[in-house]
Amino acid sequence: VQPGGSLRLSCAASGRTFSSYTMGWFRQAPGKEREFVAAI
């Protein structure tokens, strides 16, 4: 995507207990450590 643009990521989970989990998004750029992005 170009700078200023938008994307929507999805994460589909299997299992009946998904609704009881806290969920997070992380990211890792080349040469960098993985970092926390968001949680719900």
Full PDB file with SEQRES, HELIX, SHEET, SSBOND, CRYST1, ORIGX, SCALE, CONECT and MASTER records, all heavy atoms in Angstrom:
SEQRES   1 A   40  VAL GLN PRO GLY GLY SER LEU ARG LEU SER CYS ALA ALA          
SEQRES   2 A   40  SER GLY ARG THR PHE SER SER TYR THR MET GLY TRP PHE          
SEQRES   3 A   40  ARG GLN ALA PRO GLY LYS GLU ARG GLU PHE VAL ALA ALA          
SEQRES   4 A   40  ILE                                                          
HELIX    1 AA1 PHE A   18  SER A   20  5                                   3    
SHEET    1 AA1 2 GLY A  24  ARG A  27  0                                        
SHEET    2 AA1 2 GLU A  35  ALA A  39 -1                                        
CRYST1    1.000    1.000    1.000  90.00  90.00  90.00 P 1           1          
ORIGX1      1.000000  0.000000  0.000000        0.00000                         
ORIGX2      0.000000  1.000000  0.000000        0.00000                         
ORIGX3      0.000000  0.000000  1.000000        0.00000                         
SCALE1      1.000000  0.000000  0.000000        0.00000                         
SCALE2      0.000000  1.000000  0.000000        0.00000                         
SCALE3      0.000000  0.000000  1.000000        0.00000                         
ATOM      1  N   VAL A   1       0.850  -1.189   0.000  1.00  0.00           N  
ATOM      2  CA  VAL A   1       0.000   0.000   0.000  1.00  0.00           C  
ATOM      3  C   VAL A   1       0.885   1.237   0.000  1.00  0.00           C  
ATOM      4  O   VAL A   1       2.009   1.213   0.530  1.00  0.00           O  
ATOM      5  CB  VAL A   1      -0.943  -0.021   1.228  1.00  0.00           C  
ATOM      6  CG1 VAL A   1      -0.159   0.017   2.533  1.00  0.00           C  
ATOM      7  CG2 VAL A   1      -1.970   1.088   1.165  1.00  0.00           C  
ATOM      8  N   GLN A   2       0.382   2.308  -0.591  1.00  0.00           N  
ATOM      9  CA  GLN A   2       1.132   3.558  -0.612  1.00  0.00           C  
ATOM     10  C   GLN A   2       1.036   4.270   0.732  1.00  0.00           C  
ATOM     11  O   GLN A   2       0.062   4.074   1.480  1.00  0.00           O  
ATOM     12  CB  GLN A   2       0.600   4.462  -1.723  1.00  0.00           C  
ATOM     13  CG  GLN A   2       0.865   3.943  -3.116  1.00  0.00           C  
ATOM     14  CD  GLN A   2       0.448   4.941  -4.187  1.00  0.00           C  
ATOM     15  OE1 GLN A   2      -0.334   5.856  -3.933  1.00  0.00           O  
ATOM     16  NE2 GLN A   2       0.996   4.777  -5.381  1.00  0.00           N  
ATOM     17  N   PRO A   3       2.015   5.091   1.047  1.00  0.00           N  
ATOM     18  CA  PRO A   3       1.912   5.895   2.274  1.00  0.00           C  
ATOM     19  C   PRO A   3       0.608   6.687   2.306  1.00  0.00           C  
ATOM     20  O   PRO A   3       0.185   7.244   1.282  1.00  0.00           O  
ATOM     21  CB  PRO A   3       3.130   6.825   2.183  1.00  0.00           C  
ATOM     22  CG  PRO A   3       4.109   6.045   1.369  1.00  0.00           C  
ATOM     23  CD  PRO A   3       3.286   5.302   0.354  1.00  0.00           C  
ATOM     24  N   GLY A   4      -0.013   6.701   3.474  1.00  0.00           N  
ATOM     25  CA  GLY A   4      -1.304   7.353   3.623  1.00  0.00           C  
ATOM     26  C   GLY A   4      -2.484   6.442   3.360  1.00  0.00           C  
ATOM     27  O   GLY A   4      -3.634   6.820   3.640  1.00  0.00           O  
ATOM     28  N   GLY A   5      -2.221   5.261   2.848  1.00  0.00           N  
ATOM     29  CA  GLY A   5      -3.291   4.319   2.532  1.00  0.00           C  
ATOM     30  C   GLY A   5      -3.744   3.522   3.742  1.00  0.00           C  
ATOM     31  O   GLY A   5      -3.284   3.747   4.870  1.00  0.00           O  
ATOM     32  N   SER A   6      -4.655   2.580   3.484  1.00  0.00           N  
ATOM     33  CA  SER A   6      -5.252   1.776   4.547  1.00  0.00           C  
ATOM     34  C   SER A   6      -5.222   0.299   4.191  1.00  0.00           C  
ATOM     35  O   SER A   6      -5.250  -0.071   3.009  1.00  0.00           O  
ATOM     36  CB  SER A   6      -6.711   2.197   4.775  1.00  0.00           C  
ATOM     37  OG  SER A   6      -6.811   3.533   5.200  1.00  0.00           O  
ATOM     38  N   LEU A   7      -5.181  -0.517   5.223  1.00  0.00           N  
ATOM     39  CA  LEU A   7      -5.334  -1.956   5.103  1.00  0.00           C  
ATOM     40  C   LEU A   7      -6.112  -2.453   6.315  1.00  0.00           C  
ATOM     41  O   LEU A   7      -6.041  -1.851   7.391  1.00  0.00           O  
ATOM     42  CB  LEU A   7      -3.983  -2.671   5.068  1.00  0.00           C  
ATOM     43  CG  LEU A   7      -3.182  -2.671   3.767  1.00  0.00           C  
ATOM     44  CD1 LEU A   7      -1.825  -3.333   4.009  1.00  0.00           C  
ATOM     45  CD2 LEU A   7      -3.918  -3.379   2.654  1.00  0.00           C  
ATOM     46  N   ARG A   8      -6.820  -3.554   6.110  1.00  0.00           N  
ATOM     47  CA  ARG A   8      -7.514  -4.195   7.220  1.00  0.00           C  
ATOM     48  C   ARG A   8      -7.030  -5.633   7.320  1.00  0.00           C  
ATOM     49  O   ARG A   8      -7.251  -6.434   6.407  1.00  0.00           O  
ATOM     50  CB  ARG A   8      -9.016  -4.178   7.012  1.00  0.00           C  
ATOM     51  CG  ARG A   8      -9.808  -4.638   8.238  1.00  0.00           C  
ATOM     52  CD  ARG A   8     -11.250  -4.859   7.905  1.00  0.00           C  
ATOM     53  NE  ARG A   8     -12.092  -4.945   9.097  1.00  0.00           N  
ATOM     54  CZ  ARG A   8     -13.268  -5.549   9.123  1.00  0.00           C  
ATOM     55  NH1 ARG A   8     -13.753  -6.113   8.027  1.00  0.00           N  
ATOM     56  NH2 ARG A   8     -13.987  -5.567  10.241  1.00  0.00           N  
ATOM     57  N   LEU A   9      -6.368  -5.933   8.435  1.00  0.00           N  
ATOM     58  CA  LEU A   9      -5.906  -7.284   8.680  1.00  0.00           C  
ATOM     59  C   LEU A   9      -6.975  -8.067   9.430  1.00  0.00           C  
ATOM     60  O   LEU A   9      -7.690  -7.508  10.272  1.00  0.00           O  
ATOM     61  CB  LEU A   9      -4.623  -7.279   9.497  1.00  0.00           C  
ATOM     62  CG  LEU A   9      -3.451  -6.464   8.935  1.00  0.00           C  
ATOM     63  CD1 LEU A   9      -2.224  -6.653   9.826  1.00  0.00           C  
ATOM     64  CD2 LEU A   9      -3.149  -6.845   7.509  1.00  0.00           C  
ATOM     65  N   SER A  10      -7.063  -9.355   9.123  1.00  0.00           N  
ATOM     66  CA  SER A  10      -7.964 -10.254   9.828  1.00  0.00           C  
ATOM     67  C   SER A  10      -7.174 -11.415  10.401  1.00  0.00           C  
ATOM     68  O   SER A  10      -6.152 -11.823   9.841  1.00  0.00           O  
ATOM     69  CB  SER A  10      -9.042 -10.796   8.883  1.00  0.00           C  
ATOM     70  OG  SER A  10      -9.830  -9.769   8.353  1.00  0.00           O  
ATOM     71  N   CYS A  11      -7.659 -11.937  11.497  1.00  0.00           N  
ATOM     72  CA  CYS A  11      -7.058 -13.111  12.117  1.00  0.00           C  
ATOM     73  C   CYS A  11      -8.192 -14.053  12.493  1.00  0.00           C  
ATOM     74  O   CYS A  11      -8.983 -13.747  13.400  1.00  0.00           O  
ATOM     75  CB  CYS A  11      -6.247 -12.712  13.344  1.00  0.00           C  
ATOM     76  SG  CYS A  11      -5.617 -14.107  14.305  1.00  0.00           S  
ATOM     77  N   ALA A  12      -8.276 -15.158  11.780  1.00  0.00           N  
ATOM     78  CA  ALA A  12      -9.324 -16.142  12.030  1.00  0.00           C  
ATOM     79  C   ALA A  12      -8.797 -17.218  12.963  1.00  0.00           C  
ATOM     80  O   ALA A  12      -7.710 -17.760  12.743  1.00  0.00           O  
ATOM     81  CB  ALA A  12      -9.779 -16.762  10.714  1.00  0.00           C  
ATOM     82  N   ALA A  13      -9.577 -17.519  13.980  1.00  0.00           N  
ATOM     83  CA  ALA A  13      -9.154 -18.485  14.994  1.00  0.00           C  
ATOM     84  C   ALA A  13     -10.041 -19.720  14.972  1.00  0.00           C  
ATOM     85  O   ALA A  13     -11.259 -19.628  14.779  1.00  0.00           O  
ATOM     86  CB  ALA A  13      -9.208 -17.848  16.377  1.00  0.00           C  
ATOM     87  N   SER A  14      -9.422 -20.852  15.184  1.00  0.00           N  
ATOM     88  CA  SER A  14     -10.171 -22.083  15.365  1.00  0.00           C  
ATOM     89  C   SER A  14     -10.405 -22.294  16.848  1.00  0.00           C  
ATOM     90  O   SER A  14      -9.737 -21.693  17.684  1.00  0.00           O  
ATOM     91  CB  SER A  14      -9.400 -23.268  14.792  1.00  0.00           C  
ATOM     92  OG  SER A  14      -8.201 -23.451  15.517  1.00  0.00           O  
ATOM     93  N   GLY A  15     -11.312 -23.145  17.195  1.00  0.00           N  
ATOM     94  CA  GLY A  15     -11.519 -23.455  18.601  1.00  0.00           C  
ATOM     95  C   GLY A  15     -12.693 -22.727  19.214  1.00  0.00           C  
ATOM     96  O   GLY A  15     -13.005 -21.602  18.832  1.00  0.00           O  
ATOM     97  N   ARG A  16     -13.305 -23.367  20.187  1.00  0.00           N  
ATOM     98  CA  ARG A  16     -14.522 -22.828  20.793  1.00  0.00           C  
ATOM     99  C   ARG A  16     -14.251 -21.813  21.871  1.00  0.00           C  
ATOM    100  O   ARG A  16     -15.158 -21.131  22.314  1.00  0.00           O  
ATOM    101  CB  ARG A  16     -15.344 -23.972  21.387  1.00  0.00           C  
ATOM    102  CG  ARG A  16     -15.889 -24.943  20.366  1.00  0.00           C  
ATOM    103  CD  ARG A  16     -16.595 -26.092  21.047  1.00  0.00           C  
ATOM    104  NE  ARG A  16     -15.670 -26.898  21.823  1.00  0.00           N  
ATOM    105  CZ  ARG A  16     -16.038 -27.917  22.585  1.00  0.00           C  
ATOM    106  NH1 ARG A  16     -17.324 -28.214  22.715  1.00  0.00           N  
ATOM    107  NH2 ARG A  16     -15.143 -28.617  23.241  1.00  0.00           N  
ATOM    108  N   THR A  17     -12.990 -21.695  22.311  1.00  0.00           N  
ATOM    109  CA  THR A  17     -12.694 -20.827  23.436  1.00  0.00           C  
ATOM    110  C   THR A  17     -12.123 -19.488  23.018  1.00  0.00           C  
ATOM    111  O   THR A  17     -11.675 -18.719  23.852  1.00  0.00           O  
ATOM    112  CB  THR A  17     -11.709 -21.516  24.393  1.00  0.00           C  
ATOM    113  OG1 THR A  17     -10.566 -21.943  23.648  1.00  0.00           O  
ATOM    114  CG2 THR A  17     -12.366 -22.712  25.058  1.00  0.00           C  
ATOM    115  N   PHE A  18     -12.168 -19.173  21.732  1.00  0.00           N  
ATOM    116  CA  PHE A  18     -11.621 -17.905  21.243  1.00  0.00           C  
ATOM    117  C   PHE A  18     -12.188 -16.726  22.007  1.00  0.00           C  
ATOM    118  O   PHE A  18     -11.465 -15.786  22.346  1.00  0.00           O  
ATOM    119  CB  PHE A  18     -11.929 -17.767  19.750  1.00  0.00           C  
ATOM    120  CG  PHE A  18     -11.664 -16.385  19.209  1.00  0.00           C  
ATOM    121  CD1 PHE A  18     -10.390 -16.012  18.833  1.00  0.00           C  
ATOM    122  CD2 PHE A  18     -12.695 -15.462  19.069  1.00  0.00           C  
ATOM    123  CE1 PHE A  18     -10.133 -14.744  18.330  1.00  0.00           C  
ATOM    124  CE2 PHE A  18     -12.461 -14.195  18.567  1.00  0.00           C  
ATOM    125  CZ  PHE A  18     -11.171 -13.838  18.200  1.00  0.00           C  
ATOM    126  N   SER A  19     -13.470 -16.750  22.269  1.00  0.00           N  
ATOM    127  CA  SER A  19     -14.121 -15.587  22.875  1.00  0.00           C  
ATOM    128  C   SER A  19     -13.623 -15.299  24.282  1.00  0.00           C  
ATOM    129  O   SER A  19     -13.868 -14.224  24.809  1.00  0.00           O  
ATOM    130  CB  SER A  19     -15.636 -15.780  22.890  1.00  0.00           C  
ATOM    131  OG  SER A  19     -15.978 -16.922  23.651  1.00  0.00           O  
ATOM    132  N   SER A  20     -12.918 -16.232  24.892  1.00  0.00           N  
ATOM    133  CA  SER A  20     -12.410 -16.009  26.247  1.00  0.00           C  
ATOM    134  C   SER A  20     -10.974 -15.505  26.262  1.00  0.00           C  
ATOM    135  O   SER A  20     -10.429 -15.219  27.328  1.00  0.00           O  
ATOM    136  CB  SER A  20     -12.508 -17.298  27.064  1.00  0.00           C  
ATOM    137  OG  SER A  20     -11.624 -18.272  26.566  1.00  0.00           O  
ATOM    138  N   TYR A  21     -10.341 -15.383  25.092  1.00  0.00           N  
ATOM    139  CA  TYR A  21      -8.933 -14.994  25.034  1.00  0.00           C  
ATOM    140  C   TYR A  21      -8.761 -13.494  24.821  1.00  0.00           C  
ATOM    141  O   TYR A  21      -9.496 -12.884  24.022  1.00  0.00           O  
ATOM    142  CB  TYR A  21      -8.232 -15.695  23.875  1.00  0.00           C  
ATOM    143  CG  TYR A  21      -8.176 -17.203  23.955  1.00  0.00           C  
ATOM    144  CD1 TYR A  21      -7.870 -17.957  22.837  1.00  0.00           C  
ATOM    145  CD2 TYR A  21      -8.425 -17.878  25.151  1.00  0.00           C  
ATOM    146  CE1 TYR A  21      -7.807 -19.336  22.883  1.00  0.00           C  
ATOM    147  CE2 TYR A  21      -8.371 -19.268  25.196  1.00  0.00           C  
ATOM    148  CZ  TYR A  21      -8.055 -19.977  24.068  1.00  0.00           C  
ATOM    149  OH  TYR A  21      -8.007 -21.347  24.118  1.00  0.00           O  
ATOM    150  N   THR A  22      -7.774 -12.932  25.473  1.00  0.00           N  
ATOM    151  CA  THR A  22      -7.292 -11.631  25.066  1.00  0.00           C  
ATOM    152  C   THR A  22      -6.488 -11.818  23.779  1.00  0.00           C  
ATOM    153  O   THR A  22      -5.700 -12.754  23.666  1.00  0.00           O  
ATOM    154  CB  THR A  22      -6.390 -11.021  26.153  1.00  0.00           C  
ATOM    155  OG1 THR A  22      -7.175 -10.759  27.321  1.00  0.00           O  
ATOM    156  CG2 THR A  22      -5.746  -9.737  25.673  1.00  0.00           C  
ATOM    157  N   MET A  23      -6.693 -10.943  22.813  1.00  0.00           N  
ATOM    158  CA  MET A  23      -6.020 -11.067  21.518  1.00  0.00           C  
ATOM    159  C   MET A  23      -5.095  -9.877  21.295  1.00  0.00           C  
ATOM    160  O   MET A  23      -5.415  -8.745  21.667  1.00  0.00           O  
ATOM    161  CB  MET A  23      -7.039 -11.137  20.392  1.00  0.00           C  
ATOM    162  CG  MET A  23      -7.954 -12.350  20.456  1.00  0.00           C  
ATOM    163  SD  MET A  23      -7.066 -13.908  20.316  1.00  0.00           S  
ATOM    164  CE  MET A  23      -6.423 -13.790  18.641  1.00  0.00           C  
ATOM    165  N   GLY A  24      -3.968 -10.157  20.673  1.00  0.00           N  
ATOM    166  CA  GLY A  24      -3.014  -9.096  20.391  1.00  0.00           C  
ATOM    167  C   GLY A  24      -2.513  -9.147  18.965  1.00  0.00           C  
ATOM    168  O   GLY A  24      -2.580 -10.194  18.305  1.00  0.00           O  
ATOM    169  N   TRP A  25      -2.048  -7.996  18.490  1.00  0.00           N  
ATOM    170  CA  TRP A  25      -1.324  -7.901  17.226  1.00  0.00           C  
ATOM    171  C   TRP A  25       0.097  -7.448  17.519  1.00  0.00           C  
ATOM    172  O   TRP A  25       0.308  -6.536  18.320  1.00  0.00           O  
ATOM    173  CB  TRP A  25      -1.985  -6.902  16.288  1.00  0.00           C  
ATOM    174  CG  TRP A  25      -3.234  -7.389  15.617  1.00  0.00           C  
ATOM    175  CD1 TRP A  25      -4.517  -7.155  16.007  1.00  0.00           C  
ATOM    176  CD2 TRP A  25      -3.327  -8.193  14.437  1.00  0.00           C  
ATOM    177  NE1 TRP A  25      -5.399  -7.770  15.155  1.00  0.00           N  
ATOM    178  CE2 TRP A  25      -4.687  -8.403  14.173  1.00  0.00           C  
ATOM    179  CE3 TRP A  25      -2.381  -8.763  13.573  1.00  0.00           C  
ATOM    180  CZ2 TRP A  25      -5.142  -9.152  13.081  1.00  0.00           C  
ATOM    181  CZ3 TRP A  25      -2.825  -9.496  12.490  1.00  0.00           C  
ATOM    182  CH2 TRP A  25      -4.199  -9.691  12.251  1.00  0.00           C  
ATOM    183  N   PHE A  26       1.040  -8.084  16.863  1.00  0.00           N  
ATOM    184  CA  PHE A  26       2.452  -7.743  16.965  1.00  0.00           C  
ATOM    185  C   PHE A  26       2.990  -7.563  15.550  1.00  0.00           C  
ATOM    186  O   PHE A  26       2.362  -7.966  14.575  1.00  0.00           O  
ATOM    187  CB  PHE A  26       3.223  -8.859  17.674  1.00  0.00           C  
ATOM    188  CG  PHE A  26       2.885  -9.013  19.130  1.00  0.00           C  
ATOM    189  CD1 PHE A  26       1.703  -9.624  19.534  1.00  0.00           C  
ATOM    190  CD2 PHE A  26       3.754  -8.548  20.113  1.00  0.00           C  
ATOM    191  CE1 PHE A  26       1.380  -9.757  20.882  1.00  0.00           C  
ATOM    192  CE2 PHE A  26       3.453  -8.693  21.458  1.00  0.00           C  
ATOM    193  CZ  PHE A  26       2.267  -9.291  21.839  1.00  0.00           C  
ATOM    194  N   ARG A  27       4.161  -6.974  15.444  1.00  0.00           N  
ATOM    195  CA  ARG A  27       4.804  -6.857  14.139  1.00  0.00           C  
ATOM    196  C   ARG A  27       6.310  -6.965  14.285  1.00  0.00           C  
ATOM    197  O   ARG A  27       6.873  -6.669  15.343  1.00  0.00           O  
ATOM    198  CB  ARG A  27       4.428  -5.541  13.459  1.00  0.00           C  
ATOM    199  CG  ARG A  27       4.934  -4.283  14.168  1.00  0.00           C  
ATOM    200  CD  ARG A  27       4.365  -3.042  13.498  1.00  0.00           C  
ATOM    201  NE  ARG A  27       4.822  -1.825  14.153  1.00  0.00           N  
ATOM    202  CZ  ARG A  27       4.380  -0.612  13.829  1.00  0.00           C  
ATOM    203  NH1 ARG A  27       3.463  -0.458  12.842  1.00  0.00           N  
ATOM    204  NH2 ARG A  27       4.845   0.458  14.460  1.00  0.00           N  
ATOM    205  N   GLN A  28       6.944  -7.390  13.197  1.00  0.00           N  
ATOM    206  CA  GLN A  28       8.397  -7.490  13.179  1.00  0.00           C  
ATOM    207  C   GLN A  28       8.914  -7.005  11.838  1.00  0.00           C  
ATOM    208  O   GLN A  28       8.582  -7.566  10.785  1.00  0.00           O  
ATOM    209  CB  GLN A  28       8.859  -8.922  13.431  1.00  0.00           C  
ATOM    210  CG  GLN A  28      10.361  -9.049  13.598  1.00  0.00           C  
ATOM    211  CD  GLN A  28      10.778 -10.395  14.162  1.00  0.00           C  
ATOM    212  OE1 GLN A  28      10.039 -11.367  14.122  1.00  0.00           O  
ATOM    213  NE2 GLN A  28      11.986 -10.455  14.716  1.00  0.00           N  
ATOM    214  N   ALA A  29       9.698  -5.940  11.888  1.00  0.00           N  
ATOM    215  CA  ALA A  29      10.322  -5.387  10.697  1.00  0.00           C  
ATOM    216  C   ALA A  29      11.677  -6.056  10.494  1.00  0.00           C  
ATOM    217  O   ALA A  29      12.277  -6.570  11.440  1.00  0.00           O  
ATOM    218  CB  ALA A  29      10.484  -3.885  10.858  1.00  0.00           C  
ATOM    219  N   PRO A  30      12.188  -6.041   9.258  1.00  0.00           N  
ATOM    220  CA  PRO A  30      13.481  -6.670   8.986  1.00  0.00           C  
ATOM    221  C   PRO A  30      14.581  -6.103   9.883  1.00  0.00           C  
ATOM    222  O   PRO A  30      14.725  -4.882  10.015  1.00  0.00           O  
ATOM    223  CB  PRO A  30      13.730  -6.319   7.516  1.00  0.00           C  
ATOM    224  CG  PRO A  30      12.374  -6.118   6.941  1.00  0.00           C  
ATOM    225  CD  PRO A  30      11.554  -5.517   8.038  1.00  0.00           C  
ATOM    226  N   GLY A  31      15.320  -6.983  10.507  1.00  0.00           N  
ATOM    227  CA  GLY A  31      16.427  -6.562  11.352  1.00  0.00           C  
ATOM    228  C   GLY A  31      16.042  -6.009  12.704  1.00  0.00           C  
ATOM    229  O   GLY A  31      16.904  -5.522  13.449  1.00  0.00           O  
ATOM    230  N   LYS A  32      14.755  -6.066  13.022  1.00  0.00           N  
ATOM    231  CA  LYS A  32      14.290  -5.523  14.307  1.00  0.00           C  
ATOM    232  C   LYS A  32      13.600  -6.609  15.125  1.00  0.00           C  
ATOM    233  O   LYS A  32      13.175  -7.631  14.596  1.00  0.00           O  
ATOM    234  CB  LYS A  32      13.334  -4.354  14.074  1.00  0.00           C  
ATOM    235  CG  LYS A  32      13.983  -3.147  13.416  1.00  0.00           C  
ATOM    236  CD  LYS A  32      13.029  -1.964  13.383  1.00  0.00           C  
ATOM    237  CE  LYS A  32      13.688  -0.734  12.804  1.00  0.00           C  
ATOM    238  NZ  LYS A  32      12.773   0.435  12.781  1.00  0.00           N  
ATOM    239  N   GLU A  33      13.474  -6.342  16.404  1.00  0.00           N  
ATOM    240  CA  GLU A  33      12.763  -7.269  17.270  1.00  0.00           C  
ATOM    241  C   GLU A  33      11.261  -7.123  17.063  1.00  0.00           C  
ATOM    242  O   GLU A  33      10.764  -6.070  16.657  1.00  0.00           O  
ATOM    243  CB  GLU A  33      13.131  -7.006  18.736  1.00  0.00           C  
ATOM    244  CG  GLU A  33      14.568  -7.322  19.081  1.00  0.00           C  
ATOM    245  CD  GLU A  33      14.832  -7.215  20.570  1.00  0.00           C  
ATOM    246  OE1 GLU A  33      13.948  -6.748  21.304  1.00  0.00           O  
ATOM    247  OE2 GLU A  33      15.934  -7.607  20.990  1.00  0.00           O  
ATOM    248  N   ARG A  34      10.571  -8.182  17.390  1.00  0.00           N  
ATOM    249  CA  ARG A  34       9.112  -8.138  17.323  1.00  0.00           C  
ATOM    250  C   ARG A  34       8.593  -7.129  18.353  1.00  0.00           C  
ATOM    251  O   ARG A  34       9.095  -7.068  19.479  1.00  0.00           O  
ATOM    252  CB  ARG A  34       8.539  -9.512  17.604  1.00  0.00           C  
ATOM    253  CG  ARG A  34       7.021  -9.621  17.470  1.00  0.00           C  
ATOM    254  CD  ARG A  34       6.587 -11.061  17.645  1.00  0.00           C  
ATOM    255  NE  ARG A  34       6.909 -11.564  18.960  1.00  0.00           N  
ATOM    256  CZ  ARG A  34       6.941 -12.859  19.275  1.00  0.00           C  
ATOM    257  NH1 ARG A  34       6.682 -13.771  18.340  1.00  0.00           N  
ATOM    258  NH2 ARG A  34       7.229 -13.253  20.500  1.00  0.00           N  
ATOM    259  N   GLU A  35       7.591  -6.348  17.974  1.00  0.00           N  
ATOM    260  CA  GLU A  35       7.042  -5.361  18.896  1.00  0.00           C  
ATOM    261  C   GLU A  35       5.523  -5.485  18.979  1.00  0.00           C  
ATOM    262  O   GLU A  35       4.850  -5.869  18.021  1.00  0.00           O  
ATOM    263  CB  GLU A  35       7.421  -3.932  18.486  1.00  0.00           C  
ATOM    264  CG  GLU A  35       6.752  -3.428  17.214  1.00  0.00           C  
ATOM    265  CD  GLU A  35       6.892  -1.921  17.025  1.00  0.00           C  
ATOM    266  OE1 GLU A  35       7.218  -1.198  17.994  1.00  0.00           O  
ATOM    267  OE2 GLU A  35       6.650  -1.468  15.892  1.00  0.00           O  
ATOM    268  N   PHE A  36       5.034  -5.138  20.128  1.00  0.00           N  
ATOM    269  CA  PHE A  36       3.595  -5.115  20.374  1.00  0.00           C  
ATOM    270  C   PHE A  36       2.962  -3.972  19.593  1.00  0.00           C  
ATOM    271  O   PHE A  36       3.527  -2.879  19.501  1.00  0.00           O  
ATOM    272  CB  PHE A  36       3.351  -4.926  21.871  1.00  0.00           C  
ATOM    273  CG  PHE A  36       1.927  -4.644  22.233  1.00  0.00           C  
ATOM    274  CD1 PHE A  36       1.013  -5.657  22.404  1.00  0.00           C  
ATOM    275  CD2 PHE A  36       1.497  -3.321  22.418  1.00  0.00           C  
ATOM    276  CE1 PHE A  36      -0.301  -5.390  22.753  1.00  0.00           C  
ATOM    277  CE2 PHE A  36       0.203  -3.043  22.762  1.00  0.00           C  
ATOM    278  CZ  PHE A  36      -0.709  -4.083  22.925  1.00  0.00           C  
ATOM    279  N   VAL A  37       1.770  -4.210  19.045  1.00  0.00           N  
ATOM    280  CA  VAL A  37       1.047  -3.173  18.316  1.00  0.00           C  
ATOM    281  C   VAL A  37      -0.258  -2.815  19.033  1.00  0.00           C  
ATOM    282  O   VAL A  37      -0.521  -1.642  19.304  1.00  0.00           O  
ATOM    283  CB  VAL A  37       0.731  -3.622  16.875  1.00  0.00           C  
ATOM    284  CG1 VAL A  37      -0.131  -2.580  16.158  1.00  0.00           C  
ATOM    285  CG2 VAL A  37       2.006  -3.887  16.104  1.00  0.00           C  
ATOM    286  N   ALA A  38      -1.080  -3.820  19.330  1.00  0.00           N  
ATOM    287  CA  ALA A  38      -2.393  -3.546  19.912  1.00  0.00           C  
ATOM    288  C   ALA A  38      -2.925  -4.811  20.577  1.00  0.00           C  
ATOM    289  O   ALA A  38      -2.513  -5.919  20.240  1.00  0.00           O  
ATOM    290  CB  ALA A  38      -3.377  -3.073  18.846  1.00  0.00           C  
ATOM    291  N   ALA A  39      -3.854  -4.619  21.513  1.00  0.00           N  
ATOM    292  CA  ALA A  39      -4.506  -5.751  22.175  1.00  0.00           C  
ATOM    293  C   ALA A  39      -5.948  -5.389  22.468  1.00  0.00           C  
ATOM    294  O   ALA A  39      -6.306  -4.203  22.580  1.00  0.00           O  
ATOM    295  CB  ALA A  39      -3.790  -6.130  23.462  1.00  0.00           C  
ATOM    296  N   ILE A  40      -6.776  -6.432  22.605  1.00  0.00           N  
ATOM    297  CA  ILE A  40      -8.191  -6.238  22.891  1.00  0.00           C  
ATOM    298  C   ILE A  40      -8.629  -7.294  23.895  1.00  0.00           C  
ATOM    299  O   ILE A  40      -8.237  -8.459  23.808  1.00  0.00           O  
ATOM    300  CB  ILE A  40      -9.027  -6.296  21.595  1.00  0.00           C  
ATOM    301  CG1 ILE A  40     -10.485  -5.916  21.869  1.00  0.00           C  
ATOM    302  CG2 ILE A  40      -8.928  -7.659  20.922  1.00  0.00           C  
ATOM    303  CD1 ILE A  40     -11.270  -5.639  20.578  1.00  0.00           C  
TER     304      ILE A  40                                                      
MASTER        0    0    0    1    2    0    0    6  303    1    0    4          
END                                                                             
